Amino acid sequence: MKPREPTRPLVWLLAFIVAIGALVSRRDAPRSRGGVSSEAVRLGYERSDMRAVAVVIGGVGLIVILGVLFTAVTLLETAVTGITPSVGAPTDLVGGLAAAPRPTPPAPALESEPGQSLDPYMAAEQAKLNGYRWVDRSAGIAAMPIDRAMDLIAQRGLPARQSTSARDAGDVSPSTASSGRMEEHSP
């Protein structure tokens, strides 16, 4: 894509801003190098006022900068969206949307009786907890009621693994926390 050349009004505007900046920065040398005059110190207050020209130039500069920013943002919006700017109420909002029907949200899916969809789920879960069923018939794994399983565990106890070393048998005291380091043996 070929870069666009600046438009003539934009060049003139930038030249005007540079000229104003040059005029503002051209000042006479300060009268007193020490800051406050000795007469003002003797009186206890400043006798001079701020220059009105500086205030006016600052205000005009601010208005010019705001105008340039507004123009730049408008040109950028036009370039991005392709919609030309207008200074009136948008026509689609004035007449277009008023004629179109308002969209309505879908009606909520309410239960006629509370718990209608929860009750079948809870019944199925209770049947799993309180009944016998096959989990994996080919492997011989079956599920039994939870109450029966708890009674069997209480009677028989939990299965324990067989000890294979002296440490598992309890002949050696447990080591201190090692944070993953190997146990060191002292001579």
N, C-alpha and C. Protein backbone atom coordinates (compact mmCIF):
# COMPACT_ATOMS: atom_id res chain seq x y z
N MET A 1 0.84 -1.17 0.00
CA MET A 1 0.00 0.00 0.00
C MET A 1 0.89 1.24 0.00
N LYS A 2 0.62 2.18 -0.87
CA LYS A 2 1.42 3.38 -1.02
C LYS A 2 1.04 4.38 0.08
N PRO A 3 2.07 4.99 0.77
CA PRO A 3 1.73 5.95 1.83
C PRO A 3 1.08 7.18 1.24
N ARG A 4 0.11 7.73 1.96
CA ARG A 4 -0.62 8.90 1.50
C ARG A 4 0.16 10.16 1.82
N GLU A 5 0.10 11.13 0.93
CA GLU A 5 0.74 12.42 1.17
C GLU A 5 -0.18 13.27 2.04
N PRO A 6 0.41 14.14 2.90
CA PRO A 6 -0.45 14.97 3.75
C PRO A 6 -1.25 15.95 2.91
N THR A 7 -2.43 16.26 3.37
CA THR A 7 -3.30 17.19 2.65
C THR A 7 -2.82 18.62 2.88
N ARG A 8 -3.19 19.53 1.96
CA ARG A 8 -2.74 20.93 2.05
C ARG A 8 -3.20 21.61 3.34
N PRO A 9 -4.47 21.46 3.75
CA PRO A 9 -4.88 22.14 5.00
C PRO A 9 -4.07 21.66 6.20
N LEU A 10 -3.71 20.39 6.22
CA LEU A 10 -2.94 19.88 7.35
C LEU A 10 -1.54 20.49 7.35
N VAL A 11 -0.94 20.67 6.18
CA VAL A 11 0.39 21.29 6.09
C VAL A 11 0.31 22.74 6.55
N TRP A 12 -0.73 23.48 6.11
CA TRP A 12 -0.88 24.87 6.53
C TRP A 12 -1.11 24.96 8.04
N LEU A 13 -1.87 24.04 8.59
CA LEU A 13 -2.12 24.04 10.03
C LEU A 13 -0.84 23.80 10.81
N LEU A 14 -0.04 22.85 10.38
CA LEU A 14 1.23 22.57 11.06
C LEU A 14 2.17 23.77 10.94
N ALA A 15 2.20 24.44 9.78
CA ALA A 15 3.04 25.63 9.61
C ALA A 15 2.58 26.74 10.55
N PHE A 16 1.27 26.89 10.72
CA PHE A 16 0.72 27.90 11.63
C PHE A 16 1.14 27.61 13.07
N ILE A 17 1.09 26.36 13.47
CA ILE A 17 1.47 25.98 14.84
C ILE A 17 2.94 26.26 15.07
N VAL A 18 3.79 25.96 14.07
CA VAL A 18 5.22 26.22 14.21
C VAL A 18 5.47 27.72 14.33
N ALA A 19 4.75 28.53 13.53
CA ALA A 19 4.94 29.98 13.58
C ALA A 19 4.53 30.53 14.95
N ILE A 20 3.40 30.06 15.48
CA ILE A 20 2.95 30.51 16.81
C ILE A 20 3.98 30.11 17.86
N GLY A 21 4.51 28.89 17.75
CA GLY A 21 5.52 28.44 18.71
C GLY A 21 6.77 29.29 18.65
N ALA A 22 7.17 29.70 17.46
CA ALA A 22 8.36 30.55 17.33
C ALA A 22 8.12 31.92 17.95
N LEU A 23 6.91 32.47 17.76
CA LEU A 23 6.61 33.77 18.35
C LEU A 23 6.57 33.71 19.87
N VAL A 24 6.03 32.64 20.40
CA VAL A 24 5.92 32.49 21.84
C VAL A 24 7.30 32.33 22.47
N SER A 25 8.17 31.57 21.84
CA SER A 25 9.48 31.29 22.44
C SER A 25 10.43 32.49 22.32
N ARG A 26 10.14 33.47 21.47
CA ARG A 26 11.00 34.65 21.31
C ARG A 26 10.63 35.67 22.37
N ARG A 27 11.45 35.79 23.38
CA ARG A 27 11.18 36.70 24.48
C ARG A 27 12.38 37.59 24.73
N ASP A 28 12.13 38.65 25.41
CA ASP A 28 13.22 39.52 25.82
C ASP A 28 13.92 38.89 27.02
N ALA A 29 15.15 39.31 27.25
CA ALA A 29 15.91 38.79 28.40
C ALA A 29 15.23 39.26 29.68
N PRO A 30 15.20 38.42 30.70
CA PRO A 30 14.58 38.84 31.96
C PRO A 30 15.31 40.05 32.55
N ARG A 31 14.56 40.90 33.18
CA ARG A 31 15.11 42.15 33.72
C ARG A 31 16.01 41.87 34.92
N SER A 32 15.58 40.96 35.77
CA SER A 32 16.34 40.68 36.98
C SER A 32 16.76 39.23 36.97
N ARG A 33 18.02 38.98 37.05
CA ARG A 33 18.52 37.59 37.05
C ARG A 33 18.26 36.90 38.39
N GLY A 34 18.02 37.59 39.42
CA GLY A 34 17.86 36.99 40.73
C GLY A 34 16.47 36.47 41.00
N GLY A 35 15.52 36.62 40.10
CA GLY A 35 14.17 36.13 40.28
C GLY A 35 13.24 37.24 40.73
N VAL A 36 13.24 37.61 41.98
CA VAL A 36 12.36 38.64 42.52
C VAL A 36 13.18 39.91 42.71
N SER A 37 12.60 41.03 42.32
CA SER A 37 13.33 42.30 42.45
C SER A 37 13.47 42.68 43.91
N SER A 38 14.47 43.50 44.17
CA SER A 38 14.71 43.92 45.56
C SER A 38 13.58 44.82 46.06
N GLU A 39 12.94 45.56 45.15
CA GLU A 39 11.83 46.40 45.56
C GLU A 39 10.64 45.55 46.02
N ALA A 40 10.38 44.43 45.27
CA ALA A 40 9.28 43.54 45.66
C ALA A 40 9.56 42.89 46.99
N VAL A 41 10.81 42.55 47.26
CA VAL A 41 11.17 41.97 48.55
C VAL A 41 10.97 43.00 49.66
N ARG A 42 11.34 44.23 49.42
CA ARG A 42 11.18 45.28 50.41
C ARG A 42 9.71 45.53 50.71
N LEU A 43 8.84 45.48 49.67
CA LEU A 43 7.42 45.71 49.88
C LEU A 43 6.70 44.49 50.47
N GLY A 44 7.22 43.29 50.21
CA GLY A 44 6.62 42.07 50.75
C GLY A 44 5.65 41.40 49.79
N TYR A 45 5.52 41.88 48.56
CA TYR A 45 4.67 41.24 47.57
C TYR A 45 5.14 41.65 46.18
N GLU A 46 4.69 40.87 45.18
CA GLU A 46 5.04 41.15 43.78
C GLU A 46 4.18 42.29 43.29
N ARG A 47 4.76 43.20 42.53
CA ARG A 47 4.00 44.31 41.99
C ARG A 47 3.61 44.08 40.55
N SER A 48 4.21 43.08 39.90
CA SER A 48 3.90 42.85 38.48
C SER A 48 2.86 41.74 38.34
N ASP A 49 2.11 41.79 37.27
CA ASP A 49 1.11 40.76 36.98
C ASP A 49 1.63 39.84 35.89
N MET A 50 0.95 38.73 35.72
CA MET A 50 1.29 37.82 34.64
C MET A 50 0.91 38.46 33.32
N ARG A 51 1.67 38.18 32.29
CA ARG A 51 1.38 38.81 31.00
C ARG A 51 0.13 38.20 30.39
N ALA A 52 -0.80 39.02 29.97
CA ALA A 52 -2.05 38.56 29.37
C ALA A 52 -1.81 37.93 28.02
N VAL A 53 -0.77 38.34 27.33
CA VAL A 53 -0.46 37.78 26.01
C VAL A 53 -0.15 36.28 26.14
N ALA A 54 0.57 35.91 27.19
CA ALA A 54 0.91 34.50 27.39
C ALA A 54 -0.35 33.66 27.62
N VAL A 55 -1.30 34.20 28.36
CA VAL A 55 -2.55 33.48 28.63
C VAL A 55 -3.35 33.31 27.34
N VAL A 56 -3.46 34.36 26.56
CA VAL A 56 -4.22 34.30 25.31
C VAL A 56 -3.56 33.32 24.34
N ILE A 57 -2.24 33.39 24.20
CA ILE A 57 -1.54 32.48 23.30
C ILE A 57 -1.70 31.04 23.77
N GLY A 58 -1.63 30.80 25.07
CA GLY A 58 -1.84 29.45 25.60
C GLY A 58 -3.23 28.94 25.31
N GLY A 59 -4.25 29.78 25.47
CA GLY A 59 -5.64 29.37 25.18
C GLY A 59 -5.84 29.08 23.71
N VAL A 60 -5.29 29.94 22.85
CA VAL A 60 -5.42 29.71 21.40
C VAL A 60 -4.68 28.43 21.01
N GLY A 61 -3.50 28.23 21.58
CA GLY A 61 -2.75 27.00 21.29
C GLY A 61 -3.51 25.76 21.71
N LEU A 62 -4.17 25.81 22.86
CA LEU A 62 -4.96 24.68 23.33
C LEU A 62 -6.12 24.39 22.39
N ILE A 63 -6.80 25.42 21.93
CA ILE A 63 -7.93 25.23 21.00
C ILE A 63 -7.43 24.65 19.69
N VAL A 64 -6.28 25.14 19.20
CA VAL A 64 -5.72 24.62 17.95
C VAL A 64 -5.35 23.15 18.10
N ILE A 65 -4.71 22.78 19.20
CA ILE A 65 -4.31 21.38 19.42
C ILE A 65 -5.55 20.49 19.52
N LEU A 66 -6.58 20.94 20.21
CA LEU A 66 -7.81 20.15 20.29
C LEU A 66 -8.46 19.98 18.92
N GLY A 67 -8.44 21.03 18.11
CA GLY A 67 -8.98 20.93 16.75
C GLY A 67 -8.20 19.95 15.90
N VAL A 68 -6.88 19.98 16.01
CA VAL A 68 -6.04 19.03 15.25
C VAL A 68 -6.33 17.60 15.70
N LEU A 69 -6.42 17.38 17.01
CA LEU A 69 -6.71 16.03 17.52
C LEU A 69 -8.09 15.55 17.06
N PHE A 70 -9.08 16.42 17.12
CA PHE A 70 -10.42 16.05 16.68
C PHE A 70 -10.41 15.67 15.21
N THR A 71 -9.72 16.46 14.40
CA THR A 71 -9.64 16.17 12.96
C THR A 71 -8.92 14.86 12.72
N ALA A 72 -7.82 14.62 13.42
CA ALA A 72 -7.07 13.38 13.24
C ALA A 72 -7.89 12.16 13.63
N VAL A 73 -8.61 12.24 14.73
CA VAL A 73 -9.44 11.11 15.17
C VAL A 73 -10.57 10.87 14.18
N THR A 74 -11.16 11.93 13.67
CA THR A 74 -12.24 11.78 12.69
C THR A 74 -11.73 11.14 11.41
N LEU A 75 -10.57 11.58 10.93
CA LEU A 75 -9.98 10.99 9.72
C LEU A 75 -9.62 9.53 9.94
N LEU A 76 -9.09 9.20 11.12
CA LEU A 76 -8.75 7.81 11.42
C LEU A 76 -10.01 6.94 11.46
N GLU A 77 -11.06 7.44 12.09
CA GLU A 77 -12.32 6.69 12.15
C GLU A 77 -12.88 6.45 10.75
N THR A 78 -12.82 7.47 9.91
CA THR A 78 -13.31 7.33 8.54
C THR A 78 -12.48 6.31 7.78
N ALA A 79 -11.16 6.33 7.97
CA ALA A 79 -10.29 5.38 7.27
C ALA A 79 -10.53 3.95 7.74
N VAL A 80 -10.78 3.76 9.02
CA VAL A 80 -10.95 2.41 9.56
C VAL A 80 -12.33 1.84 9.24
N THR A 81 -13.37 2.64 9.45
CA THR A 81 -14.73 2.11 9.29
C THR A 81 -15.28 2.30 7.89
N GLY A 82 -14.79 3.30 7.16
CA GLY A 82 -15.32 3.56 5.83
C GLY A 82 -16.63 4.34 5.85
N ILE A 83 -17.07 4.79 6.99
CA ILE A 83 -18.31 5.55 7.13
C ILE A 83 -17.94 7.04 7.18
N THR A 84 -18.55 7.81 6.32
CA THR A 84 -18.25 9.24 6.32
C THR A 84 -18.89 9.91 7.52
N PRO A 85 -18.18 10.85 8.15
CA PRO A 85 -18.75 11.52 9.33
C PRO A 85 -19.88 12.46 8.93
N SER A 86 -20.84 12.60 9.82
CA SER A 86 -21.95 13.52 9.59
C SER A 86 -22.20 14.30 10.87
N VAL A 87 -22.86 15.44 10.73
CA VAL A 87 -23.09 16.29 11.88
C VAL A 87 -24.57 16.30 12.26
N GLY A 88 -25.24 15.21 12.16
CA GLY A 88 -26.65 15.13 12.52
C GLY A 88 -26.93 13.82 13.23
N ALA A 89 -28.17 13.63 13.57
CA ALA A 89 -28.56 12.38 14.19
C ALA A 89 -28.48 11.27 13.16
N PRO A 90 -27.95 10.10 13.51
CA PRO A 90 -27.87 9.00 12.56
C PRO A 90 -29.25 8.60 12.07
N THR A 91 -29.37 8.42 10.77
CA THR A 91 -30.68 8.11 10.19
C THR A 91 -31.18 6.74 10.61
N ASP A 92 -30.30 5.78 10.78
CA ASP A 92 -30.76 4.45 11.17
C ASP A 92 -31.32 4.43 12.59
N LEU A 93 -30.86 5.33 13.44
CA LEU A 93 -31.40 5.38 14.80
C LEU A 93 -32.71 6.16 14.85
N VAL A 94 -32.86 7.14 13.98
CA VAL A 94 -34.06 7.96 14.02
C VAL A 94 -35.24 7.19 13.44
N GLY A 95 -35.09 6.64 12.24
CA GLY A 95 -36.23 5.99 11.61
C GLY A 95 -36.11 4.48 11.51
N GLY A 96 -34.90 3.98 11.39
CA GLY A 96 -34.71 2.55 11.14
C GLY A 96 -35.07 1.67 12.31
N LEU A 97 -34.57 1.99 13.48
CA LEU A 97 -34.82 1.12 14.63
C LEU A 97 -36.21 1.30 15.21
N ALA A 98 -36.81 2.46 15.01
CA ALA A 98 -38.16 2.68 15.53
C ALA A 98 -39.17 1.81 14.78
N ALA A 99 -38.92 1.56 13.48
CA ALA A 99 -39.84 0.76 12.68
C ALA A 99 -39.66 -0.73 12.93
N ALA A 100 -38.45 -1.15 13.32
CA ALA A 100 -38.18 -2.58 13.53
C ALA A 100 -38.76 -3.03 14.86
N PRO A 101 -39.27 -4.27 14.92
CA PRO A 101 -39.79 -4.76 16.20
C PRO A 101 -38.64 -4.99 17.18
N ARG A 102 -38.91 -4.77 18.43
CA ARG A 102 -37.89 -4.98 19.45
C ARG A 102 -37.68 -6.47 19.66
N PRO A 103 -36.43 -6.90 19.78
CA PRO A 103 -36.19 -8.32 20.02
C PRO A 103 -36.63 -8.70 21.43
N THR A 104 -37.26 -9.84 21.54
CA THR A 104 -37.69 -10.31 22.85
C THR A 104 -36.85 -11.53 23.23
N PRO A 105 -36.48 -11.62 24.47
CA PRO A 105 -35.68 -12.77 24.89
C PRO A 105 -36.56 -14.02 24.92
N PRO A 106 -35.95 -15.20 24.84
CA PRO A 106 -36.76 -16.42 24.90
C PRO A 106 -37.38 -16.58 26.29
N ALA A 107 -38.50 -17.25 26.32
CA ALA A 107 -39.20 -17.46 27.59
C ALA A 107 -38.37 -18.41 28.46
N PRO A 108 -38.35 -18.18 29.78
CA PRO A 108 -37.57 -19.07 30.64
C PRO A 108 -38.21 -20.45 30.73
N ALA A 109 -37.36 -21.46 30.83
CA ALA A 109 -37.84 -22.84 30.97
C ALA A 109 -38.03 -23.12 32.46
N LEU A 110 -39.22 -22.86 32.95
CA LEU A 110 -39.52 -23.04 34.37
C LEU A 110 -40.09 -24.42 34.62
N GLU A 111 -39.85 -24.94 35.83
CA GLU A 111 -40.45 -26.21 36.23
C GLU A 111 -41.85 -25.93 36.77
N SER A 112 -42.78 -26.77 36.40
CA SER A 112 -44.13 -26.58 36.93
C SER A 112 -44.18 -26.94 38.41
N GLU A 113 -43.37 -27.91 38.83
CA GLU A 113 -43.26 -28.29 40.24
C GLU A 113 -41.79 -28.28 40.62
N PRO A 114 -41.43 -27.70 41.77
CA PRO A 114 -40.02 -27.67 42.16
C PRO A 114 -39.45 -29.07 42.33
N GLY A 115 -38.20 -29.26 41.93
CA GLY A 115 -37.53 -30.55 42.07
C GLY A 115 -37.86 -31.55 40.99
N GLN A 116 -38.54 -31.12 39.95
CA GLN A 116 -38.97 -32.04 38.89
C GLN A 116 -37.78 -32.69 38.19
N SER A 117 -36.71 -31.97 37.95
CA SER A 117 -35.57 -32.57 37.27
C SER A 117 -34.53 -33.08 38.25
N LEU A 118 -34.57 -32.68 39.52
CA LEU A 118 -33.62 -33.16 40.50
C LEU A 118 -34.02 -34.53 41.06
N ASP A 119 -35.30 -34.78 41.22
CA ASP A 119 -35.75 -36.03 41.83
C ASP A 119 -35.32 -37.27 41.06
N PRO A 120 -35.47 -37.34 39.73
CA PRO A 120 -35.00 -38.54 39.02
C PRO A 120 -33.48 -38.73 39.14
N TYR A 121 -32.72 -37.66 39.14
CA TYR A 121 -31.27 -37.77 39.27
C TYR A 121 -30.91 -38.33 40.65
N MET A 122 -31.52 -37.78 41.70
CA MET A 122 -31.23 -38.25 43.06
C MET A 122 -31.63 -39.71 43.25
N ALA A 123 -32.73 -40.12 42.63
CA ALA A 123 -33.16 -41.52 42.73
C ALA A 123 -32.14 -42.44 42.06
N ALA A 124 -31.60 -42.05 40.90
CA ALA A 124 -30.61 -42.87 40.21
C ALA A 124 -29.33 -42.96 41.03
N GLU A 125 -28.90 -41.87 41.65
CA GLU A 125 -27.68 -41.88 42.47
C GLU A 125 -27.87 -42.74 43.72
N GLN A 126 -29.04 -42.65 44.35
CA GLN A 126 -29.31 -43.49 45.53
C GLN A 126 -29.33 -44.97 45.15
N ALA A 127 -29.85 -45.29 43.96
CA ALA A 127 -29.85 -46.69 43.51
C ALA A 127 -28.42 -47.19 43.33
N LYS A 128 -27.52 -46.34 42.85
CA LYS A 128 -26.11 -46.75 42.70
C LYS A 128 -25.48 -46.99 44.06
N LEU A 129 -25.79 -46.13 45.06
CA LEU A 129 -25.19 -46.28 46.39
C LEU A 129 -25.75 -47.46 47.17
N ASN A 130 -27.00 -47.79 46.95
CA ASN A 130 -27.66 -48.79 47.81
C ASN A 130 -27.98 -50.09 47.10
N GLY A 131 -27.38 -50.36 45.98
CA GLY A 131 -27.69 -51.60 45.27
C GLY A 131 -26.44 -52.31 44.78
N TYR A 132 -26.63 -53.57 44.38
CA TYR A 132 -25.54 -54.34 43.78
C TYR A 132 -25.58 -54.13 42.27
N ARG A 133 -24.39 -54.03 41.67
CA ARG A 133 -24.31 -53.90 40.21
C ARG A 133 -22.90 -54.24 39.78
N TRP A 134 -22.77 -54.56 38.50
CA TRP A 134 -21.46 -54.83 37.93
C TRP A 134 -20.80 -53.53 37.51
N VAL A 135 -19.56 -53.34 37.91
CA VAL A 135 -18.76 -52.21 37.44
C VAL A 135 -18.03 -52.65 36.18
N ASP A 136 -17.36 -53.84 36.24
CA ASP A 136 -16.68 -54.42 35.09
C ASP A 136 -16.82 -55.93 35.20
N ARG A 137 -17.80 -56.47 34.49
CA ARG A 137 -18.11 -57.90 34.60
C ARG A 137 -16.95 -58.77 34.14
N SER A 138 -16.26 -58.37 33.06
CA SER A 138 -15.16 -59.20 32.54
C SER A 138 -14.00 -59.25 33.52
N ALA A 139 -13.76 -58.21 34.32
CA ALA A 139 -12.68 -58.22 35.30
C ALA A 139 -13.18 -58.74 36.65
N GLY A 140 -14.48 -58.95 36.80
CA GLY A 140 -15.04 -59.46 38.04
C GLY A 140 -15.18 -58.38 39.12
N ILE A 141 -15.35 -57.12 38.73
CA ILE A 141 -15.49 -56.03 39.69
C ILE A 141 -16.96 -55.68 39.81
N ALA A 142 -17.48 -55.76 41.07
CA ALA A 142 -18.88 -55.46 41.32
C ALA A 142 -18.97 -54.38 42.39
N ALA A 143 -20.07 -53.65 42.37
CA ALA A 143 -20.33 -52.65 43.39
C ALA A 143 -21.38 -53.20 44.34
N MET A 144 -21.23 -52.85 45.62
CA MET A 144 -22.20 -53.30 46.62
C MET A 144 -22.74 -52.09 47.36
N PRO A 145 -23.81 -52.25 48.13
CA PRO A 145 -24.35 -51.11 48.87
C PRO A 145 -23.31 -50.52 49.81
N ILE A 146 -23.34 -49.24 49.97
CA ILE A 146 -22.34 -48.53 50.76
C ILE A 146 -22.36 -48.97 52.22
N ASP A 147 -23.54 -49.23 52.78
CA ASP A 147 -23.62 -49.65 54.19
C ASP A 147 -22.95 -51.01 54.38
N ARG A 148 -23.17 -51.93 53.44
CA ARG A 148 -22.56 -53.26 53.52
C ARG A 148 -21.04 -53.16 53.39
N ALA A 149 -20.56 -52.28 52.50
CA ALA A 149 -19.12 -52.12 52.31
C ALA A 149 -18.47 -51.56 53.58
N MET A 150 -19.12 -50.63 54.25
CA MET A 150 -18.56 -50.08 55.49
C MET A 150 -18.53 -51.13 56.59
N ASP A 151 -19.56 -51.98 56.68
CA ASP A 151 -19.56 -53.05 57.69
C ASP A 151 -18.41 -54.02 57.45
N LEU A 152 -18.18 -54.41 56.18
CA LEU A 152 -17.08 -55.34 55.87
C LEU A 152 -15.72 -54.74 56.20
N ILE A 153 -15.53 -53.47 55.93
CA ILE A 153 -14.26 -52.81 56.25
C ILE A 153 -14.07 -52.77 57.76
N ALA A 154 -15.13 -52.51 58.51
CA ALA A 154 -15.03 -52.46 59.97
C ALA A 154 -14.68 -53.84 60.53
N GLN A 155 -15.22 -54.91 59.95
CA GLN A 155 -14.95 -56.26 60.45
C GLN A 155 -13.55 -56.73 60.05
N ARG A 156 -13.17 -56.59 58.80
CA ARG A 156 -11.92 -57.16 58.28
C ARG A 156 -10.74 -56.20 58.37
N GLY A 157 -10.98 -54.89 58.38
CA GLY A 157 -9.90 -53.92 58.36
C GLY A 157 -9.44 -53.69 56.92
N LEU A 158 -8.62 -52.70 56.75
CA LEU A 158 -8.09 -52.39 55.43
C LEU A 158 -6.92 -53.31 55.11
N PRO A 159 -6.76 -53.71 53.87
CA PRO A 159 -5.61 -54.55 53.53
C PRO A 159 -4.32 -53.74 53.64
N ALA A 160 -3.26 -54.38 54.12
CA ALA A 160 -1.96 -53.72 54.27
C ALA A 160 -0.98 -54.37 53.31
N ARG A 161 0.03 -53.64 52.85
CA ARG A 161 1.01 -54.22 51.94
C ARG A 161 2.04 -54.99 52.75
N GLN A 162 2.66 -55.91 52.09
CA GLN A 162 3.69 -56.74 52.73
C GLN A 162 4.98 -55.95 52.82
N SER A 163 5.68 -56.05 53.96
CA SER A 163 6.93 -55.32 54.13
C SER A 163 8.02 -56.03 53.34
N THR A 164 8.83 -55.24 52.64
CA THR A 164 9.90 -55.81 51.80
C THR A 164 11.27 -55.38 52.26
N SER A 165 11.38 -54.47 53.20
CA SER A 165 12.70 -54.04 53.68
C SER A 165 12.63 -53.80 55.18
N ALA A 166 13.78 -53.56 55.76
CA ALA A 166 13.84 -53.32 57.20
C ALA A 166 13.13 -52.01 57.55
N ARG A 167 13.21 -51.06 56.65
CA ARG A 167 12.54 -49.79 56.92
C ARG A 167 11.03 -50.00 56.98
N ASP A 168 10.46 -50.80 56.05
CA ASP A 168 9.02 -51.06 56.05
C ASP A 168 8.62 -51.88 57.27
N ALA A 169 9.51 -52.70 57.77
CA ALA A 169 9.18 -53.53 58.92
C ALA A 169 9.19 -52.73 60.21
N GLY A 170 9.75 -51.54 60.20
CA GLY A 170 9.76 -50.71 61.40
C GLY A 170 11.03 -50.88 62.21
N ASP A 171 12.07 -51.56 61.69
CA ASP A 171 13.32 -51.75 62.42
C ASP A 171 14.21 -50.51 62.40
N VAL A 172 13.94 -49.58 61.46
CA VAL A 172 14.76 -48.39 61.32
C VAL A 172 13.88 -47.18 61.58
N SER A 173 14.45 -46.18 62.26
CA SER A 173 13.66 -44.98 62.53
C SER A 173 13.46 -44.19 61.23
N PRO A 174 12.37 -43.50 61.13
CA PRO A 174 12.13 -42.74 59.90
C PRO A 174 13.14 -41.60 59.75
N SER A 175 13.43 -41.26 58.52
CA SER A 175 14.39 -40.19 58.26
C SER A 175 13.70 -38.84 58.42
N THR A 176 14.52 -37.82 58.52
CA THR A 176 13.97 -36.47 58.58
C THR A 176 13.53 -36.04 57.19
N ALA A 177 12.80 -34.97 57.13
CA ALA A 177 12.34 -34.48 55.84
C ALA A 177 13.54 -34.14 54.98
N SER A 178 13.55 -34.61 53.74
CA SER A 178 14.74 -34.43 52.91
C SER A 178 14.51 -33.50 51.74
N SER A 179 13.31 -33.07 51.50
CA SER A 179 12.98 -32.22 50.37
C SER A 179 13.45 -32.84 49.06
N GLY A 180 13.44 -34.16 48.97
CA GLY A 180 13.81 -34.85 47.75
C GLY A 180 15.29 -35.20 47.68
N ARG A 181 16.07 -34.87 48.71
CA ARG A 181 17.50 -35.20 48.69
C ARG A 181 17.70 -36.64 49.13
N MET A 182 18.81 -37.18 48.74
CA MET A 182 19.15 -38.55 49.13
C MET A 182 19.61 -38.55 50.58
N GLU A 183 19.40 -39.67 51.27
CA GLU A 183 19.79 -39.78 52.66
C GLU A 183 21.32 -39.89 52.74
N GLU A 184 21.92 -39.11 53.63
CA GLU A 184 23.38 -39.13 53.76
C GLU A 184 23.75 -40.01 54.97
N HIS A 185 24.75 -40.83 54.78
CA HIS A 185 25.23 -41.67 55.87
C HIS A 185 26.51 -41.06 56.42
N SER A 186 26.59 -40.89 57.74
CA SER A 186 27.83 -40.36 58.33
C SER A 186 28.73 -41.51 58.73
N PRO A 187 30.05 -41.35 58.62
CA PRO A 187 30.97 -42.46 58.92
C PRO A 187 31.09 -42.76 60.39
